[in-house]
Amino acid sequence: MKTEIFKIGNDYGIIIPSNILNQLKLSAGSRVKLSLKEGAILLHPDIRTGWAEAAKQMSEAGDDGLLINDFPSEFDNNEWKWEGNQ
């Protein structure tokens, strides 16, 4: 597939066909990461977009608690025995 590079102010842009954007689940306004590898430009969806705002909303709603208790249980403290070096 061929496309053309366009001048946009001090930067440049290209037209990305909609079938490629659809395969990447991207649309106008999507955040992406660009990188170079062996003389090629790679475009990756920015999968972390929106995480900070989602975490803030969860915290404000009180929905950011632990799903699994990370503290030792009675079993851990009294019954668990390590095999080997002690």
PDB file of N, CA and C in Angstrom:
ATOM      1  N   MET A   1       0.843  -1.166   0.000  1.00  0.00           N
ATOM      2  CA  MET A   1       0.000   0.000   0.000  1.00  0.00           C
ATOM      3  C   MET A   1       0.891   1.234   0.000  1.00  0.00           C
ATOM      4  N   LYS A   2       0.538   2.208  -0.802  1.00  0.00           N
ATOM      5  CA  LYS A   2       1.299   3.449  -0.873  1.00  0.00           C
ATOM      6  C   LYS A   2       0.440   4.598  -0.368  1.00  0.00           C
ATOM      7  N   THR A   3       1.092   5.592   0.226  1.00  0.00           N
ATOM      8  CA  THR A   3       0.414   6.801   0.672  1.00  0.00           C
ATOM      9  C   THR A   3       1.365   7.962   0.457  1.00  0.00           C
ATOM     10  N   GLU A   4       0.935   9.154   0.741  1.00  0.00           N
ATOM     11  CA  GLU A   4       1.725  10.353   0.512  1.00  0.00           C
ATOM     12  C   GLU A   4       1.938  11.077   1.835  1.00  0.00           C
ATOM     13  N   ILE A   5       3.091  11.722   1.976  1.00  0.00           N
ATOM     14  CA  ILE A   5       3.383  12.535   3.155  1.00  0.00           C
ATOM     15  C   ILE A   5       2.910  13.963   2.879  1.00  0.00           C
ATOM     16  N   PHE A   6       2.140  14.520   3.846  1.00  0.00           N
ATOM     17  CA  PHE A   6       1.594  15.867   3.718  1.00  0.00           C
ATOM     18  C   PHE A   6       2.236  16.794   4.737  1.00  0.00           C
ATOM     19  N   LYS A   7       2.432  18.058   4.358  1.00  0.00           N
ATOM     20  CA  LYS A   7       2.937  19.082   5.280  1.00  0.00           C
ATOM     21  C   LYS A   7       1.751  19.606   6.080  1.00  0.00           C
ATOM     22  N   ILE A   8       1.898  19.610   7.424  1.00  0.00           N
ATOM     23  CA  ILE A   8       0.853  20.126   8.322  1.00  0.00           C
ATOM     24  C   ILE A   8       1.548  21.072   9.298  1.00  0.00           C
ATOM     25  N   GLY A   9       1.543  22.372   8.991  1.00  0.00           N
ATOM     26  CA  GLY A   9       2.265  23.334   9.822  1.00  0.00           C
ATOM     27  C   GLY A   9       3.751  23.030   9.775  1.00  0.00           C
ATOM     28  N   ASN A  10       4.370  22.858  10.973  1.00  0.00           N
ATOM     29  CA  ASN A  10       5.794  22.509  11.036  1.00  0.00           C
ATOM     30  C   ASN A  10       6.021  21.007  11.022  1.00  0.00           C
ATOM     31  N   ASP A  11       4.944  20.229  10.996  1.00  0.00           N
ATOM     32  CA  ASP A  11       5.039  18.768  11.050  1.00  0.00           C
ATOM     33  C   ASP A  11       4.568  18.161   9.735  1.00  0.00           C
ATOM     34  N   TYR A  12       4.489  16.837   9.732  1.00  0.00           N
ATOM     35  CA  TYR A  12       4.058  16.110   8.551  1.00  0.00           C
ATOM     36  C   TYR A  12       3.080  15.023   8.966  1.00  0.00           C
ATOM     37  N   GLY A  13       2.270  14.577   8.030  1.00  0.00           N
ATOM     38  CA  GLY A  13       1.307  13.536   8.326  1.00  0.00           C
ATOM     39  C   GLY A  13       1.083  12.642   7.122  1.00  0.00           C
ATOM     40  N   ILE A  14       0.428  11.523   7.363  1.00  0.00           N
ATOM     41  CA  ILE A  14       0.057  10.606   6.293  1.00  0.00           C
ATOM     42  C   ILE A  14      -1.402  10.205   6.480  1.00  0.00           C
ATOM     43  N   ILE A  15      -2.015   9.713   5.432  1.00  0.00           N
ATOM     44  CA  ILE A  15      -3.363   9.169   5.500  1.00  0.00           C
ATOM     45  C   ILE A  15      -3.222   7.679   5.815  1.00  0.00           C
ATOM     46  N   ILE A  16      -3.893   7.238   6.877  1.00  0.00           N
ATOM     47  CA  ILE A  16      -3.910   5.813   7.231  1.00  0.00           C
ATOM     48  C   ILE A  16      -5.278   5.276   6.836  1.00  0.00           C
ATOM     49  N   PRO A  17      -5.326   4.296   5.949  1.00  0.00           N
ATOM     50  CA  PRO A  17      -6.621   3.763   5.509  1.00  0.00           C
ATOM     51  C   PRO A  17      -7.441   3.219   6.676  1.00  0.00           C
ATOM     52  N   SER A  18      -8.766   3.401   6.596  1.00  0.00           N
ATOM     53  CA  SER A  18      -9.658   3.005   7.684  1.00  0.00           C
ATOM     54  C   SER A  18      -9.593   1.510   7.981  1.00  0.00           C
ATOM     55  N   ASN A  19      -9.340   0.657   6.967  1.00  0.00           N
ATOM     56  CA  ASN A  19      -9.268  -0.782   7.248  1.00  0.00           C
ATOM     57  C   ASN A  19      -8.088  -1.113   8.162  1.00  0.00           C
ATOM     58  N   ILE A  20      -6.999  -0.374   8.066  1.00  0.00           N
ATOM     59  CA  ILE A  20      -5.853  -0.587   8.963  1.00  0.00           C
ATOM     60  C   ILE A  20      -6.205  -0.085  10.365  1.00  0.00           C
ATOM     61  N   LEU A  21      -6.816   1.098  10.449  1.00  0.00           N
ATOM     62  CA  LEU A  21      -7.222   1.613  11.763  1.00  0.00           C
ATOM     63  C   LEU A  21      -8.213   0.676  12.437  1.00  0.00           C
ATOM     64  N   ASN A  22      -9.153   0.142  11.684  1.00  0.00           N
ATOM     65  CA  ASN A  22     -10.131  -0.791  12.246  1.00  0.00           C
ATOM     66  C   ASN A  22      -9.460  -2.036  12.805  1.00  0.00           C
ATOM     67  N   GLN A  23      -8.463  -2.558  12.102  1.00  0.00           N
ATOM     68  CA  GLN A  23      -7.754  -3.750  12.586  1.00  0.00           C
ATOM     69  C   GLN A  23      -7.019  -3.469  13.888  1.00  0.00           C
ATOM     70  N   LEU A  24      -6.538  -2.246  14.056  1.00  0.00           N
ATOM     71  CA  LEU A  24      -5.836  -1.852  15.282  1.00  0.00           C
ATOM     72  C   LEU A  24      -6.780  -1.315  16.348  1.00  0.00           C
ATOM     73  N   LYS A  25      -8.085  -1.265  16.035  1.00  0.00           N
ATOM     74  CA  LYS A  25      -9.095  -0.708  16.941  1.00  0.00           C
ATOM     75  C   LYS A  25      -8.776   0.748  17.294  1.00  0.00           C
ATOM     76  N   LEU A  26      -8.391   1.520  16.260  1.00  0.00           N
ATOM     77  CA  LEU A  26      -8.072   2.936  16.412  1.00  0.00           C
ATOM     78  C   LEU A  26      -9.070   3.759  15.622  1.00  0.00           C
ATOM     79  N   SER A  27      -9.218   5.024  16.012  1.00  0.00           N
ATOM     80  CA  SER A  27     -10.067   5.953  15.280  1.00  0.00           C
ATOM     81  C   SER A  27      -9.484   7.346  15.456  1.00  0.00           C
ATOM     82  N   ALA A  28     -10.130   8.340  14.864  1.00  0.00           N
ATOM     83  CA  ALA A  28      -9.668   9.724  15.010  1.00  0.00           C
ATOM     84  C   ALA A  28      -9.583  10.067  16.492  1.00  0.00           C
ATOM     85  N   GLY A  29      -8.465  10.641  16.905  1.00  0.00           N
ATOM     86  CA  GLY A  29      -8.270  11.013  18.296  1.00  0.00           C
ATOM     87  C   GLY A  29      -7.591   9.940  19.141  1.00  0.00           C
ATOM     88  N   SER A  30      -7.423   8.724  18.604  1.00  0.00           N
ATOM     89  CA  SER A  30      -6.734   7.668  19.361  1.00  0.00           C
ATOM     90  C   SER A  30      -5.286   8.062  19.601  1.00  0.00           C
ATOM     91  N   ARG A  31      -4.770   7.699  20.767  1.00  0.00           N
ATOM     92  CA  ARG A  31      -3.358   7.948  21.083  1.00  0.00           C
ATOM     93  C   ARG A  31      -2.536   6.760  20.604  1.00  0.00           C
ATOM     94  N   VAL A  32      -1.392   7.036  19.996  1.00  0.00           N
ATOM     95  CA  VAL A  32      -0.511   5.984  19.486  1.00  0.00           C
ATOM     96  C   VAL A  32       0.927   6.299  19.866  1.00  0.00           C
ATOM     97  N   LYS A  33       1.769   5.285  19.780  1.00  0.00           N
ATOM     98  CA  LYS A  33       3.209   5.457  19.988  1.00  0.00           C
ATOM     99  C   LYS A  33       3.905   5.181  18.670  1.00  0.00           C
ATOM    100  N   LEU A  34       4.869   6.016  18.351  1.00  0.00           N
ATOM    101  CA  LEU A  34       5.680   5.829  17.153  1.00  0.00           C
ATOM    102  C   LEU A  34       7.080   5.448  17.571  1.00  0.00           C
ATOM    103  N   SER A  35       7.678   4.538  16.818  1.00  0.00           N
ATOM    104  CA  SER A  35       9.069   4.177  17.067  1.00  0.00           C
ATOM    105  C   SER A  35       9.715   3.833  15.736  1.00  0.00           C
ATOM    106  N   LEU A  36      11.028   3.792  15.737  1.00  0.00           N
ATOM    107  CA  LEU A  36      11.792   3.419  14.550  1.00  0.00           C
ATOM    108  C   LEU A  36      12.469   2.090  14.790  1.00  0.00           C
ATOM    109  N   LYS A  37      12.447   1.224  13.781  1.00  0.00           N
ATOM    110  CA  LYS A  37      13.135  -0.059  13.881  1.00  0.00           C
ATOM    111  C   LYS A  37      13.640  -0.440  12.496  1.00  0.00           C
ATOM    112  N   GLU A  38      14.929  -0.536  12.396  1.00  0.00           N
ATOM    113  CA  GLU A  38      15.579  -0.957  11.150  1.00  0.00           C
ATOM    114  C   GLU A  38      15.078  -0.160   9.954  1.00  0.00           C
ATOM    115  N   GLY A  39      15.001   1.169  10.117  1.00  0.00           N
ATOM    116  CA  GLY A  39      14.615   2.046   9.025  1.00  0.00           C
ATOM    117  C   GLY A  39      13.126   2.098   8.740  1.00  0.00           C
ATOM    118  N   ALA A  40      12.290   1.506   9.598  1.00  0.00           N
ATOM    119  CA  ALA A  40      10.842   1.531   9.414  1.00  0.00           C
ATOM    120  C   ALA A  40      10.183   2.273  10.568  1.00  0.00           C
ATOM    121  N   ILE A  41       9.084   2.957  10.289  1.00  0.00           N
ATOM    122  CA  ILE A  41       8.296   3.610  11.324  1.00  0.00           C
ATOM    123  C   ILE A  41       7.247   2.620  11.799  1.00  0.00           C
ATOM    124  N   LEU A  42       7.230   2.358  13.114  1.00  0.00           N
ATOM    125  CA  LEU A  42       6.237   1.459  13.702  1.00  0.00           C
ATOM    126  C   LEU A  42       5.219   2.291  14.467  1.00  0.00           C
ATOM    127  N   LEU A  43       3.960   1.931  14.327  1.00  0.00           N
ATOM    128  CA  LEU A  43       2.864   2.624  14.990  1.00  0.00           C
ATOM    129  C   LEU A  43       2.166   1.618  15.891  1.00  0.00           C
ATOM    130  N   HIS A  44       2.084   1.937  17.184  1.00  0.00           N
ATOM    131  CA  HIS A  44       1.479   1.037  18.167  1.00  0.00           C
ATOM    132  C   HIS A  44       0.351   1.756  18.895  1.00  0.00           C
ATOM    133  N   PRO A  45      -0.779   1.077  19.123  1.00  0.00           N
ATOM    134  CA  PRO A  45      -1.806   1.690  19.975  1.00  0.00           C
ATOM    135  C   PRO A  45      -1.227   1.963  21.360  1.00  0.00           C
ATOM    136  N   ASP A  46      -1.580   3.097  21.949  1.00  0.00           N
ATOM    137  CA  ASP A  46      -1.142   3.424  23.312  1.00  0.00           C
ATOM    138  C   ASP A  46      -2.141   2.810  24.274  1.00  0.00           C
ATOM    139  N   ILE A  47      -1.865   1.571  24.716  1.00  0.00           N
ATOM    140  CA  ILE A  47      -2.834   0.818  25.513  1.00  0.00           C
ATOM    141  C   ILE A  47      -3.045   1.390  26.906  1.00  0.00           C
ATOM    142  N   ARG A  48      -2.182   2.281  27.365  1.00  0.00           N
ATOM    143  CA  ARG A  48      -2.337   2.851  28.699  1.00  0.00           C
ATOM    144  C   ARG A  48      -3.185   4.121  28.714  1.00  0.00           C
ATOM    145  N   THR A  49      -3.651   4.535  27.566  1.00  0.00           N
ATOM    146  CA  THR A  49      -4.467   5.743  27.504  1.00  0.00           C
ATOM    147  C   THR A  49      -5.695   5.590  28.394  1.00  0.00           C
ATOM    148  N   GLY A  50      -5.921   6.570  29.242  1.00  0.00           N
ATOM    149  CA  GLY A  50      -7.111   6.578  30.077  1.00  0.00           C
ATOM    150  C   GLY A  50      -6.971   5.898  31.427  1.00  0.00           C
ATOM    151  N   TRP A  51      -5.857   5.224  31.691  1.00  0.00           N
ATOM    152  CA  TRP A  51      -5.684   4.503  32.963  1.00  0.00           C
ATOM    153  C   TRP A  51      -5.716   5.442  34.155  1.00  0.00           C
ATOM    154  N   ALA A  52      -5.032   6.565  34.064  1.00  0.00           N
ATOM    155  CA  ALA A  52      -4.959   7.483  35.214  1.00  0.00           C
ATOM    156  C   ALA A  52      -6.351   8.008  35.559  1.00  0.00           C
ATOM    157  N   GLU A  53      -7.108   8.398  34.555  1.00  0.00           N
ATOM    158  CA  GLU A  53      -8.465   8.907  34.801  1.00  0.00           C
ATOM    159  C   GLU A  53      -9.359   7.803  35.359  1.00  0.00           C
ATOM    160  N   ALA A  54      -9.233   6.579  34.836  1.00  0.00           N
ATOM    161  CA  ALA A  54     -10.045   5.463  35.334  1.00  0.00           C
ATOM    162  C   ALA A  54      -9.711   5.173  36.801  1.00  0.00           C
ATOM    163  N   ALA A  55      -8.429   5.211  37.161  1.00  0.00           N
ATOM    164  CA  ALA A  55      -8.018   4.971  38.547  1.00  0.00           C
ATOM    165  C   ALA A  55      -8.560   6.058  39.467  1.00  0.00           C
ATOM    166  N   LYS A  56      -8.544   7.294  39.003  1.00  0.00           N
ATOM    167  CA  LYS A  56      -9.079   8.405  39.798  1.00  0.00           C
ATOM    168  C   LYS A  56     -10.580   8.218  40.038  1.00  0.00           C
ATOM    169  N   GLN A  57     -11.303   7.832  38.987  1.00  0.00           N
ATOM    170  CA  GLN A  57     -12.742   7.612  39.123  1.00  0.00           C
ATOM    171  C   GLN A  57     -13.040   6.452  40.072  1.00  0.00           C
ATOM    172  N   MET A  58     -12.249   5.373  39.996  1.00  0.00           N
ATOM    173  CA  MET A  58     -12.442   4.247  40.905  1.00  0.00           C
ATOM    174  C   MET A  58     -12.214   4.673  42.347  1.00  0.00           C
ATOM    175  N   SER A  59     -11.168   5.465  42.582  1.00  0.00           N
ATOM    176  CA  SER A  59     -10.859   5.928  43.933  1.00  0.00           C
ATOM    177  C   SER A  59     -11.984   6.799  44.478  1.00  0.00           C
ATOM    178  N   GLU A  60     -12.458   7.717  43.654  1.00  0.00           N
ATOM    179  CA  GLU A  60     -13.530   8.606  44.086  1.00  0.00           C
ATOM    180  C   GLU A  60     -14.812   7.836  44.396  1.00  0.00           C
ATOM    181  N   ALA A  61     -15.014   6.718  43.695  1.00  0.00           N
ATOM    182  CA  ALA A  61     -16.220   5.903  43.920  1.00  0.00           C
ATOM    183  C   ALA A  61     -16.015   4.885  45.040  1.00  0.00           C
ATOM    184  N   GLY A  62     -14.805   4.846  45.630  1.00  0.00           N
ATOM    185  CA  GLY A  62     -14.504   3.875  46.683  1.00  0.00           C
ATOM    186  C   GLY A  62     -14.394   2.453  46.167  1.00  0.00           C
ATOM    187  N   ASP A  63     -14.078   2.311  44.887  1.00  0.00           N
ATOM    188  CA  ASP A  63     -14.009   0.993  44.251  1.00  0.00           C
ATOM    189  C   ASP A  63     -12.565   0.618  43.919  1.00  0.00           C
ATOM    190  N   ASP A  64     -11.618   0.978  44.786  1.00  0.00           N
ATOM    191  CA  ASP A  64     -10.222   0.694  44.504  1.00  0.00           C
ATOM    192  C   ASP A  64      -9.566  -0.144  45.611  1.00  0.00           C
ATOM    193  N   GLY A  65     -10.357  -0.930  46.302  1.00  0.00           N
ATOM    194  CA  GLY A  65      -9.816  -1.781  47.369  1.00  0.00           C
ATOM    195  C   GLY A  65      -9.160  -3.034  46.824  1.00  0.00           C
ATOM    196  N   LEU A  66      -8.427  -3.727  47.700  1.00  0.00           N
ATOM    197  CA  LEU A  66      -7.784  -4.975  47.315  1.00  0.00           C
ATOM    198  C   LEU A  66      -8.825  -6.035  46.993  1.00  0.00           C
ATOM    199  N   LEU A  67      -8.542  -6.837  45.976  1.00  0.00           N
ATOM    200  CA  LEU A  67      -9.422  -7.954  45.642  1.00  0.00           C
ATOM    201  C   LEU A  67      -9.044  -9.195  46.432  1.00  0.00           C
ATOM    202  N   ILE A  68      -7.771  -9.302  46.771  1.00  0.00           N
ATOM    203  CA  ILE A  68      -7.271 -10.443  47.542  1.00  0.00           C
ATOM    204  C   ILE A  68      -6.521  -9.886  48.740  1.00  0.00           C
ATOM    205  N   ASN A  69      -6.780 -10.416  49.910  1.00  0.00           N
ATOM    206  CA  ASN A  69      -6.106  -9.966  51.117  1.00  0.00           C
ATOM    207  C   ASN A  69      -4.624 -10.321  51.035  1.00  0.00           C
ATOM    208  N   ASP A  70      -3.760  -9.318  51.107  1.00  0.00           N
ATOM    209  CA  ASP A  70      -2.319  -9.535  51.021  1.00  0.00           C
ATOM    210  C   ASP A  70      -1.665  -9.808  52.370  1.00  0.00           C
ATOM    211  N   PHE A  71      -2.422  -9.801  53.435  1.00  0.00           N
ATOM    212  CA  PHE A  71      -1.842  -9.979  54.750  1.00  0.00           C
ATOM    213  C   PHE A  71      -1.857 -11.448  55.143  1.00  0.00           C
ATOM    214  N   PRO A  72      -0.890 -11.884  55.920  1.00  0.00           N
ATOM    215  CA  PRO A  72      -0.840 -13.302  56.303  1.00  0.00           C
ATOM    216  C   PRO A  72      -2.113 -13.740  57.042  1.00  0.00           C
ATOM    217  N   SER A  73      -2.529 -14.962  56.759  1.00  0.00           N
ATOM    218  CA  SER A  73      -3.707 -15.519  57.424  1.00  0.00           C
ATOM    219  C   SER A  73      -3.264 -16.327  58.651  1.00  0.00           C
ATOM    220  N   GLU A  74      -4.218 -16.814  59.391  1.00  0.00           N
ATOM    221  CA  GLU A  74      -3.936 -17.685  60.537  1.00  0.00           C
ATOM    222  C   GLU A  74      -3.146 -18.909  60.078  1.00  0.00           C
ATOM    223  N   PHE A  75      -3.538 -19.464  58.938  1.00  0.00           N
ATOM    224  CA  PHE A  75      -2.815 -20.615  58.374  1.00  0.00           C
ATOM    225  C   PHE A  75      -1.363 -20.245  58.090  1.00  0.00           C
ATOM    226  N   ASP A  76      -1.147 -19.103  57.449  1.00  0.00           N
ATOM    227  CA  ASP A  76       0.214 -18.672  57.128  1.00  0.00           C
ATOM    228  C   ASP A  76       1.067 -18.530  58.389  1.00  0.00           C
ATOM    229  N   ASN A  77       0.491 -17.971  59.433  1.00  0.00           N
ATOM    230  CA  ASN A  77       1.241 -17.705  60.662  1.00  0.00           C
ATOM    231  C   ASN A  77       1.504 -18.948  61.510  1.00  0.00           C
ATOM    232  N   ASN A  78       0.581 -19.902  61.525  1.00  0.00           N
ATOM    233  CA  ASN A  78       0.688 -21.003  62.482  1.00  0.00           C
ATOM    234  C   ASN A  78       0.877 -22.394  61.875  1.00  0.00           C
ATOM    235  N   GLU A  79       0.405 -22.611  60.657  1.00  0.00           N
ATOM    236  CA  GLU A  79       0.414 -23.966  60.125  1.00  0.00           C
ATOM    237  C   GLU A  79       1.384 -24.187  58.962  1.00  0.00           C
ATOM    238  N   TRP A  80       1.714 -23.151  58.262  1.00  0.00           N
ATOM    239  CA  TRP A  80       2.579 -23.295  57.096  1.00  0.00           C
ATOM    240  C   TRP A  80       3.996 -23.638  57.528  1.00  0.00           C
ATOM    241  N   LYS A  81       4.570 -24.657  56.933  1.00  0.00           N
ATOM    242  CA  LYS A  81       5.945 -25.078  57.239  1.00  0.00           C
ATOM    243  C   LYS A  81       6.737 -25.121  55.930  1.00  0.00           C
ATOM    244  N   TRP A  82       7.910 -24.511  55.962  1.00  0.00           N
ATOM    245  CA  TRP A  82       8.803 -24.539  54.807  1.00  0.00           C
ATOM    246  C   TRP A  82       9.604 -25.820  54.829  1.00  0.00           C
ATOM    247  N   GLU A  83       9.750 -26.444  53.667  1.00  0.00           N
ATOM    248  CA  GLU A  83      10.617 -27.620  53.519  1.00  0.00           C
ATOM    249  C   GLU A  83      12.021 -27.136  53.181  1.00  0.00           C
ATOM    250  N   GLY A  84      13.019 -27.842  53.587  1.00  0.00           N
ATOM    251  CA  GLY A  84      14.394 -27.508  53.202  1.00  0.00           C
ATOM    252  C   GLY A  84      15.093 -26.667  54.233  1.00  0.00           C
ATOM    253  N   ASN A  85      15.949 -25.738  53.747  1.00  0.00           N
ATOM    254  CA  ASN A  85      16.775 -24.902  54.628  1.00  0.00           C
ATOM    255  C   ASN A  85      15.921 -23.971  55.479  1.00  0.00           C
ATOM    256  N   GLN A  86      16.231 -23.975  56.786  1.00  0.00           N
ATOM    257  CA  GLN A  86      15.538 -23.060  57.682  1.00  0.00           C
ATOM    258  C   GLN A  86      16.511 -22.506  58.678  1.00  0.00           C
TER     259      GLN A  86
END
